[in-house]
Amino acid sequence: MKNYAKITPEGTKDLLFEECLANRTVSSVLGTVFFQRGFHEVLTPGIEFYDLFSEDISGIPMEYMFKMSDSKGRLMVMRPDSTLPIARMVSTRLKNVSHPIRLYYNQRVYRYNPGLTGRSNEVMQAGVELIGAKGMRADLEVITTAVDALSKCVPDFRIEIGHAGFFKALADKLPVSARRREKIRFFIESKNYSALNSTLDKLEQTPSVQVIRKLPRLFGGVEVLEEACRITDDQDALTALDYIREIYDRLSRYGLGDRLMIDLGLVQRNDYYSGIVFSGYVSGSGEPVLIGGRYDNLLDSFEAPAPAVGFGINVDALARVMLKRGNIPAKKQADVLVYGETGFEMEAVRYMQTLLQAGISAENCVSETEEEALAYAKFRGIPRLAAVGREIRTMEV
């Protein structure tokens, strides 16, 4: 039997030193932005009942979840999504709280990625949920919160916006099963032109099919909306385009400039989202670091109907980018290494605490001899050694 004791499971990794610092830094920056904008932090269990994430509610295929059973044989999953547990929380523990409810989180999610394609099965995710608020003001509040969060971490991000209603209006007219419709949605999302065209070629070439065929290429500035208006006359689709235009105009005045794009092929988890959808990208990451949108129908599943909008940020991906760019300050080595001679170990600890209280970075040495302490200080780049005995001797390393 093969021994797996020395390796991590596929899609996971150990984080060391600077990687941990980068993740903590990003989490701290994002948490500060969310808190300052009036959101309140919550945490949900890492293990939930499968019923919470059944595919008809979550849109997440069962085979993408990590499953187990509890002592009573009930099916459990490791949390694959943060929004659904928060929806559960809002419908139970927060059911008597007046709306709107502004929540934020920073926690790990676990989801199996077939073939991985560079993605992790374990991701630290931070985000916000604005529950009980509908309309453009709420959408703009959440999108500008996302913009502020990214801008505090990287300067060269890009925000893409779309609308779940546009694809839904077209897809509802396709003579295909729900499963085939989901495959079409996935091909558009992944911009798999070959698979999309192959699937659509088998259908009657209706106006809706022709528009859906072009969706992955309907990407750019406001001219995308003009082109989309020319090739469709579906009233629901046109209503979605009008809303995108209003959002785009207001965000343009927010100073986003060419960092704001329209992407009508933005159709992630379409049954989950009901209105505006958006993604955030940064140079150096091959996947979106931010995904969000409006999901007004989700809380219906918990018998607590309420409009809602939110987003999640991949903290790990953002931390990798910032670390690679040198945007994470390196951990500063101690200014002084404090070594206690035999019998003076506790005096050394007290002296180290005195230095710390004075604002001097110090580390207590666990070496057995002064020579070993000097060698350790030199190896670590600590410039001074304080030897504590009947007297305190300070020397340069």
Protein backbone atom coordinates (compact mmCIF):
# COMPACT_ATOMS: atom_id res chain seq x y z
CA MET A 1 0.00 0.00 0.00
CA LYS A 2 1.40 3.39 -0.98
CA ASN A 3 2.21 5.77 1.87
CA TYR A 4 0.89 9.31 1.36
CA ALA A 5 2.23 10.68 4.65
CA LYS A 6 4.76 13.01 3.01
CA ILE A 7 2.63 14.59 0.27
CA THR A 8 -0.37 16.92 0.25
CA PRO A 9 -3.61 15.95 -1.52
CA GLU A 10 -3.99 17.01 -5.15
CA GLY A 11 -5.02 20.63 -5.51
CA THR A 12 -3.60 21.65 -2.12
CA LYS A 13 -0.23 22.94 -0.92
CA ASP A 14 1.64 24.00 2.19
CA LEU A 15 2.11 27.75 2.59
CA LEU A 16 5.49 28.83 3.94
CA PHE A 17 6.88 32.04 5.43
CA GLU A 18 6.34 34.83 2.85
CA GLU A 19 3.32 33.02 1.40
CA CYS A 20 1.63 33.07 4.81
CA LEU A 21 2.56 36.73 5.25
CA ALA A 22 1.12 37.56 1.83
CA ASN A 23 -2.18 35.80 2.59
CA ARG A 24 -2.47 37.48 5.99
CA THR A 25 -1.69 40.85 4.45
CA VAL A 26 -4.32 40.52 1.72
CA SER A 27 -6.93 39.24 4.20
CA SER A 28 -6.19 42.15 6.52
CA VAL A 29 -6.41 44.76 3.75
CA LEU A 30 -9.69 43.36 2.43
CA GLY A 31 -11.18 43.05 5.91
CA THR A 32 -10.33 46.69 6.62
CA VAL A 33 -12.04 47.84 3.41
CA PHE A 34 -15.16 45.81 4.14
CA PHE A 35 -15.35 46.94 7.77
CA GLN A 36 -14.88 50.61 6.88
CA ARG A 37 -17.75 50.35 4.39
CA GLY A 38 -20.14 49.14 7.06
CA PHE A 39 -20.03 45.36 6.61
CA HIS A 40 -19.94 43.03 9.64
CA GLU A 41 -17.78 39.91 9.79
CA VAL A 42 -19.24 36.40 10.02
CA LEU A 43 -17.80 32.89 9.85
CA THR A 44 -19.64 29.71 8.87
CA PRO A 45 -18.74 26.05 9.58
CA GLY A 46 -16.20 24.37 7.34
CA ILE A 47 -18.46 21.29 7.24
CA GLU A 48 -22.12 21.55 6.25
CA PHE A 49 -24.95 19.17 5.38
CA TYR A 50 -25.03 18.29 1.69
CA ASP A 51 -28.66 19.44 1.51
CA LEU A 52 -27.47 23.04 1.73
CA PHE A 53 -25.52 22.63 -1.49
CA SER A 54 -27.75 20.29 -3.48
CA GLU A 55 -27.21 21.00 -7.16
CA ASP A 56 -30.70 22.41 -7.78
CA ILE A 57 -29.93 25.14 -5.21
CA SER A 58 -26.19 25.76 -5.61
CA GLY A 59 -25.56 24.93 -9.25
CA ILE A 60 -22.46 23.03 -8.07
CA PRO A 61 -22.32 19.45 -9.39
CA MET A 62 -22.20 16.89 -6.61
CA GLU A 63 -19.00 15.39 -7.99
CA TYR A 64 -17.22 18.71 -7.43
CA MET A 65 -17.75 18.54 -3.65
CA PHE A 66 -15.67 16.80 -0.99
CA LYS A 67 -18.09 14.53 0.84
CA MET A 68 -18.15 12.59 4.10
CA SER A 69 -20.70 11.32 6.59
CA ASP A 70 -21.27 12.16 10.24
CA SER A 71 -21.73 9.70 13.11
CA LYS A 72 -25.41 9.30 12.13
CA GLY A 73 -24.65 8.50 8.52
CA ARG A 74 -25.85 11.86 7.18
CA LEU A 75 -24.13 13.18 4.07
CA MET A 76 -21.82 16.12 4.75
CA VAL A 77 -19.63 18.27 2.53
CA MET A 78 -16.67 20.52 3.08
CA ARG A 79 -17.87 24.06 2.41
CA PRO A 80 -17.66 24.57 -1.42
CA ASP A 81 -19.19 28.07 -1.36
CA SER A 82 -19.58 30.89 1.16
CA THR A 83 -22.80 32.52 -0.05
CA LEU A 84 -25.16 29.62 0.64
CA PRO A 85 -24.08 29.16 4.28
CA ILE A 86 -24.55 32.90 4.78
CA ALA A 87 -28.01 32.65 3.21
CA ARG A 88 -28.78 29.86 5.70
CA MET A 89 -27.50 32.05 8.53
CA VAL A 90 -29.60 35.02 7.42
CA SER A 91 -32.75 32.89 7.24
CA THR A 92 -32.23 31.47 10.74
CA ARG A 93 -30.05 33.34 13.22
CA LEU A 94 -30.55 36.72 11.52
CA LYS A 95 -34.17 36.30 10.48
CA ASN A 96 -35.35 39.05 12.84
CA VAL A 97 -32.65 41.55 11.87
CA SER A 98 -33.94 44.48 9.83
CA HIS A 99 -32.79 44.78 6.24
CA PRO A 100 -30.47 45.53 4.61
CA ILE A 101 -27.91 43.23 6.26
CA ARG A 102 -24.27 43.91 5.36
CA LEU A 103 -21.97 40.92 5.96
CA TYR A 104 -18.40 40.02 5.07
CA TYR A 105 -16.33 36.87 5.49
CA ASN A 106 -12.81 35.49 5.11
CA GLN A 107 -12.74 31.69 5.07
CA ARG A 108 -11.65 28.68 3.07
CA VAL A 109 -13.80 26.92 0.48
CA TYR A 110 -13.19 23.45 -0.91
CA ARG A 111 -14.17 22.40 -4.39
CA TYR A 112 -12.81 19.73 -6.69
CA ASN A 113 -11.59 21.09 -10.03
CA PRO A 114 -11.45 18.31 -12.64
CA GLY A 115 -8.03 18.37 -14.28
CA LEU A 116 -7.17 21.25 -11.92
CA THR A 117 -6.01 23.42 -14.88
CA GLY A 118 -3.85 25.36 -12.47
CA ARG A 119 -6.63 25.89 -9.95
CA SER A 120 -6.62 24.81 -6.32
CA ASN A 121 -9.14 22.60 -4.57
CA GLU A 122 -8.71 24.66 -1.40
CA VAL A 123 -9.04 28.45 -1.62
CA MET A 124 -9.10 31.25 0.94
CA GLN A 125 -12.04 33.42 -0.08
CA ALA A 126 -13.03 36.86 1.21
CA GLY A 127 -16.14 38.72 0.17
CA VAL A 128 -19.30 40.60 1.04
CA GLU A 129 -23.03 39.90 0.90
CA LEU A 130 -25.60 42.72 0.91
CA ILE A 131 -28.90 41.07 1.86
CA GLY A 132 -32.32 42.71 1.57
CA ALA A 133 -31.41 45.52 -0.83
CA LYS A 134 -32.49 45.71 -4.46
CA GLY A 135 -31.93 48.15 -7.27
CA MET A 136 -29.06 50.05 -8.80
CA ARG A 137 -27.86 51.71 -5.60
CA ALA A 138 -27.22 48.33 -3.99
CA ASP A 139 -25.51 46.98 -7.12
CA LEU A 140 -23.25 50.04 -7.31
CA GLU A 141 -22.46 49.81 -3.59
CA VAL A 142 -21.22 46.25 -3.93
CA ILE A 143 -19.33 46.78 -7.20
CA THR A 144 -17.58 49.90 -5.88
CA THR A 145 -16.70 47.98 -2.71
CA ALA A 146 -15.08 45.37 -4.96
CA VAL A 147 -13.22 48.12 -6.83
CA ASP A 148 -11.98 49.66 -3.57
CA ALA A 149 -10.86 46.26 -2.29
CA LEU A 150 -8.85 45.46 -5.41
CA SER A 151 -7.37 48.95 -5.67
CA LYS A 152 -5.95 48.63 -2.14
CA CYS A 153 -4.05 45.53 -3.27
CA VAL A 154 -3.11 46.05 -6.94
CA PRO A 155 -3.35 49.09 -9.23
CA ASP A 156 -3.89 47.34 -12.55
CA PHE A 157 -7.08 45.36 -12.06
CA ARG A 158 -9.90 45.09 -14.62
CA ILE A 159 -13.62 44.81 -13.89
CA GLU A 160 -15.90 43.09 -16.39
CA ILE A 161 -19.68 43.40 -16.12
CA GLY A 162 -22.53 41.46 -17.68
CA HIS A 163 -26.09 40.43 -16.87
CA ALA A 164 -27.45 36.96 -16.11
CA GLY A 165 -30.80 37.96 -17.60
CA PHE A 166 -29.33 38.46 -21.07
CA PHE A 167 -28.20 34.88 -21.47
CA LYS A 168 -31.28 33.53 -19.71
CA ALA A 169 -33.63 35.34 -22.09
CA LEU A 170 -31.86 33.75 -25.05
CA ALA A 171 -31.25 30.32 -23.52
CA ASP A 172 -34.89 29.89 -22.49
CA LYS A 173 -35.80 29.82 -26.18
CA LEU A 174 -33.43 26.96 -26.98
CA PRO A 175 -35.14 23.58 -27.56
CA VAL A 176 -32.72 21.75 -25.25
CA SER A 177 -32.75 20.10 -21.83
CA ALA A 178 -31.58 21.90 -18.71
CA ARG A 179 -28.40 19.80 -18.69
CA ARG A 180 -27.61 20.69 -22.33
CA ARG A 181 -28.34 24.36 -21.57
CA GLU A 182 -25.84 24.19 -18.70
CA LYS A 183 -23.21 22.75 -21.05
CA ILE A 184 -23.79 25.63 -23.46
CA ARG A 185 -23.42 28.07 -20.57
CA PHE A 186 -20.15 26.41 -19.54
CA PHE A 187 -18.77 26.56 -23.09
CA ILE A 188 -19.53 30.29 -23.22
CA GLU A 189 -18.00 30.94 -19.81
CA SER A 190 -14.80 29.09 -20.72
CA LYS A 191 -14.82 30.66 -24.20
CA ASN A 192 -14.61 27.20 -25.76
CA TYR A 193 -15.62 28.29 -29.27
CA SER A 194 -15.19 24.87 -30.83
CA ALA A 195 -17.42 23.01 -28.36
CA LEU A 196 -20.00 25.80 -28.39
CA ASN A 197 -20.27 25.89 -32.17
CA SER A 198 -20.38 22.09 -32.38
CA THR A 199 -23.32 22.03 -29.95
CA LEU A 200 -25.20 24.90 -31.58
CA ASP A 201 -24.71 23.47 -35.08
CA LYS A 202 -27.07 20.64 -34.10
CA LEU A 203 -29.92 23.06 -33.34
CA GLU A 204 -32.27 24.98 -35.57
CA GLN A 205 -30.51 28.23 -36.44
CA THR A 206 -32.96 30.59 -34.77
CA PRO A 207 -32.10 34.23 -33.91
CA SER A 208 -31.43 33.19 -30.30
CA VAL A 209 -28.97 30.50 -31.42
CA GLN A 210 -27.15 33.01 -33.63
CA VAL A 211 -26.80 35.51 -30.77
CA ILE A 212 -25.63 32.84 -28.30
CA ARG A 213 -23.00 31.76 -30.83
CA LYS A 214 -21.54 35.27 -30.70
CA LEU A 215 -21.64 35.72 -26.92
CA PRO A 216 -17.99 34.81 -26.20
CA ARG A 217 -16.89 37.56 -28.60
CA LEU A 218 -19.25 40.26 -27.31
CA PHE A 219 -16.57 41.84 -25.16
CA GLY A 220 -15.28 45.41 -24.99
CA GLY A 221 -16.65 48.90 -24.41
CA VAL A 222 -20.09 50.39 -24.85
CA GLU A 223 -20.01 49.42 -28.54
CA VAL A 224 -20.69 45.83 -27.41
CA LEU A 225 -24.13 46.89 -26.20
CA GLU A 226 -24.85 48.58 -29.52
CA GLU A 227 -23.90 45.46 -31.45
CA ALA A 228 -25.99 43.25 -29.15
CA CYS A 229 -29.01 45.53 -29.61
CA ARG A 230 -28.67 45.16 -33.39
CA ILE A 231 -28.70 41.37 -33.37
CA THR A 232 -31.53 40.67 -30.91
CA ASP A 233 -35.10 41.88 -30.54
CA ASP A 234 -35.95 39.89 -27.39
CA GLN A 235 -37.46 42.36 -24.94
CA ASP A 236 -36.02 40.70 -21.82
CA ALA A 237 -32.57 40.64 -23.37
CA LEU A 238 -32.87 44.31 -24.36
CA THR A 239 -33.94 45.22 -20.82
CA ALA A 240 -30.80 43.54 -19.48
CA LEU A 241 -28.66 45.47 -21.97
CA ASP A 242 -30.24 48.76 -20.89
CA TYR A 243 -29.40 47.99 -17.27
CA ILE A 244 -25.79 47.16 -18.12
CA ARG A 245 -25.54 50.51 -19.93
CA GLU A 246 -26.80 52.38 -16.86
CA ILE A 247 -24.36 50.58 -14.57
CA TYR A 248 -21.51 51.09 -17.05
CA ASP A 249 -22.21 54.84 -17.33
CA ARG A 250 -22.21 55.34 -13.56
CA LEU A 251 -19.09 53.25 -12.98
CA SER A 252 -17.30 55.15 -15.75
CA ARG A 253 -17.90 58.33 -13.76
CA TYR A 254 -16.30 56.60 -10.77
CA GLY A 255 -12.96 56.92 -12.54
CA LEU A 256 -12.44 53.36 -13.73
CA GLY A 257 -11.50 54.47 -17.24
CA ASP A 258 -10.30 51.64 -19.47
CA ARG A 259 -10.30 49.23 -16.52
CA LEU A 260 -14.05 48.72 -16.96
CA MET A 261 -15.22 46.33 -19.67
CA ILE A 262 -18.52 44.81 -20.80
CA ASP A 263 -18.60 41.03 -21.29
CA LEU A 264 -21.91 39.54 -22.44
CA GLY A 265 -20.25 36.12 -22.28
CA LEU A 266 -20.03 36.49 -18.50
CA VAL A 267 -22.52 33.75 -17.64
CA GLN A 268 -21.04 31.94 -14.64
CA ARG A 269 -23.54 29.79 -12.70
CA ASN A 270 -26.46 31.41 -14.49
CA ASP A 271 -29.17 29.68 -12.45
CA TYR A 272 -27.54 31.08 -9.32
CA TYR A 273 -27.40 34.71 -10.45
CA SER A 274 -30.45 36.73 -11.47
CA GLY A 275 -29.16 40.19 -12.46
CA ILE A 276 -25.92 42.07 -12.85
CA VAL A 277 -22.78 39.88 -12.78
CA PHE A 278 -19.16 40.98 -12.63
CA SER A 279 -15.62 39.63 -12.46
CA GLY A 280 -12.26 41.09 -11.52
CA TYR A 281 -8.92 40.29 -13.16
CA VAL A 282 -5.32 41.26 -12.45
CA SER A 283 -2.25 40.79 -14.60
CA GLY A 284 -0.31 37.72 -13.52
CA SER A 285 -3.33 35.58 -12.64
CA GLY A 286 -4.75 33.20 -15.20
CA GLU A 287 -8.16 33.13 -13.51
CA PRO A 288 -10.51 35.81 -12.21
CA VAL A 289 -9.59 36.90 -8.70
CA LEU A 290 -13.11 38.20 -8.06
CA ILE A 291 -16.56 36.91 -9.02
CA GLY A 292 -19.90 38.36 -7.98
CA GLY A 293 -23.39 39.39 -8.91
CA ARG A 294 -27.03 39.68 -7.91
CA TYR A 295 -28.91 36.58 -6.72
CA ASP A 296 -32.43 37.66 -5.81
CA ASN A 297 -33.96 34.17 -5.87
CA LEU A 298 -31.47 32.27 -3.72
CA LEU A 299 -33.02 33.00 -0.33
CA ASP A 300 -36.38 31.67 -1.58
CA SER A 301 -34.89 28.21 -0.98
CA PHE A 302 -34.64 29.03 2.72
CA GLU A 303 -38.21 30.39 2.98
CA ALA A 304 -36.77 33.83 3.61
CA PRO A 305 -37.11 35.60 0.24
CA ALA A 306 -34.97 38.71 -0.07
CA PRO A 307 -32.98 40.41 -2.83
CA ALA A 308 -29.22 40.07 -2.47
CA VAL A 309 -25.95 40.93 -4.18
CA GLY A 310 -22.35 40.12 -3.30
CA PHE A 311 -18.94 38.95 -4.45
CA GLY A 312 -16.05 36.70 -3.43
CA ILE A 313 -12.31 37.33 -3.85
CA ASN A 314 -9.72 34.56 -4.26
CA VAL A 315 -7.29 35.67 -1.55
CA ASP A 316 -4.69 33.04 -2.51
CA ALA A 317 -4.56 34.17 -6.15
CA LEU A 318 -4.32 37.85 -5.18
CA ALA A 319 -1.60 37.08 -2.62
CA ARG A 320 0.45 35.18 -5.22
CA VAL A 321 0.33 38.13 -7.59
CA MET A 322 1.32 40.62 -4.91
CA LEU A 323 4.13 38.38 -3.64
CA LYS A 324 5.52 37.88 -7.16
CA ARG A 325 5.51 41.64 -7.72
CA GLY A 326 7.32 42.30 -4.47
CA ASN A 327 4.33 44.15 -3.01
CA ILE A 328 4.45 42.24 0.27
CA PRO A 329 6.99 43.72 2.72
CA ALA A 330 9.44 41.08 3.91
CA LYS A 331 9.34 40.09 7.55
CA LYS A 332 11.90 42.18 9.41
CA GLN A 333 14.57 40.26 11.29
CA ALA A 334 15.08 41.03 14.97
CA ASP A 335 17.37 43.93 15.85
CA VAL A 336 18.84 42.06 18.81
CA LEU A 337 19.35 38.39 19.64
CA VAL A 338 19.26 37.92 23.40
CA TYR A 339 21.32 35.03 24.79
CA GLY A 340 21.11 33.99 28.43
CA GLU A 341 24.19 32.47 30.00
CA THR A 342 23.67 29.29 32.00
CA GLY A 343 21.62 30.11 35.06
CA PHE A 344 20.46 33.44 33.62
CA GLU A 345 17.86 32.17 31.14
CA MET A 346 14.93 33.96 32.79
CA GLU A 347 16.89 37.18 33.11
CA ALA A 348 17.43 36.98 29.34
CA VAL A 349 13.68 36.60 28.79
CA ARG A 350 12.99 39.63 30.99
CA TYR A 351 15.61 41.68 29.15
CA MET A 352 14.07 40.69 25.79
CA GLN A 353 10.68 41.85 27.05
CA THR A 354 12.24 45.17 28.12
CA LEU A 355 13.59 45.66 24.59
CA LEU A 356 10.22 44.83 23.05
CA GLN A 357 8.44 47.31 25.30
CA ALA A 358 10.95 49.96 24.16
CA GLY A 359 10.03 49.27 20.53
CA ILE A 360 13.20 47.30 19.75
CA SER A 361 12.65 44.03 17.88
CA ALA A 362 14.27 41.22 19.84
CA GLU A 363 14.41 37.43 19.77
CA ASN A 364 15.25 35.11 22.66
CA CYS A 365 18.03 32.70 21.73
CA VAL A 366 17.73 28.99 22.51
CA SER A 367 21.33 28.09 21.59
CA GLU A 368 23.37 26.31 24.27
CA THR A 369 26.57 28.36 23.93
CA GLU A 370 27.50 31.94 23.09
CA GLU A 371 29.44 30.72 20.06
CA GLU A 372 26.32 28.96 18.75
CA ALA A 373 24.30 32.11 19.43
CA LEU A 374 26.74 34.23 17.40
CA ALA A 375 26.61 31.75 14.52
CA TYR A 376 22.80 31.76 14.59
CA ALA A 377 22.65 35.58 14.60
CA LYS A 378 25.02 35.74 11.63
CA PHE A 379 22.98 33.13 9.74
CA ARG A 380 19.71 35.01 10.39
CA GLY A 381 21.17 38.42 9.66
CA ILE A 382 20.54 39.75 13.19
CA PRO A 383 23.00 42.62 13.67
CA ARG A 384 23.50 42.53 17.48
CA LEU A 385 23.86 39.94 20.21
CA ALA A 386 23.10 40.72 23.86
CA ALA A 387 24.62 38.19 26.27
CA VAL A 388 22.84 38.30 29.64
CA GLY A 389 24.68 37.07 32.73
CA ARG A 390 25.79 38.90 35.86
CA GLU A 391 26.01 41.80 33.43
CA ILE A 392 24.69 42.48 29.97
CA ARG A 393 27.21 42.47 27.15
CA THR A 394 26.18 43.76 23.73
CA MET A 395 28.25 42.98 20.64
CA GLU A 396 27.98 43.53 16.92
CA VAL A 397 27.62 40.38 14.82
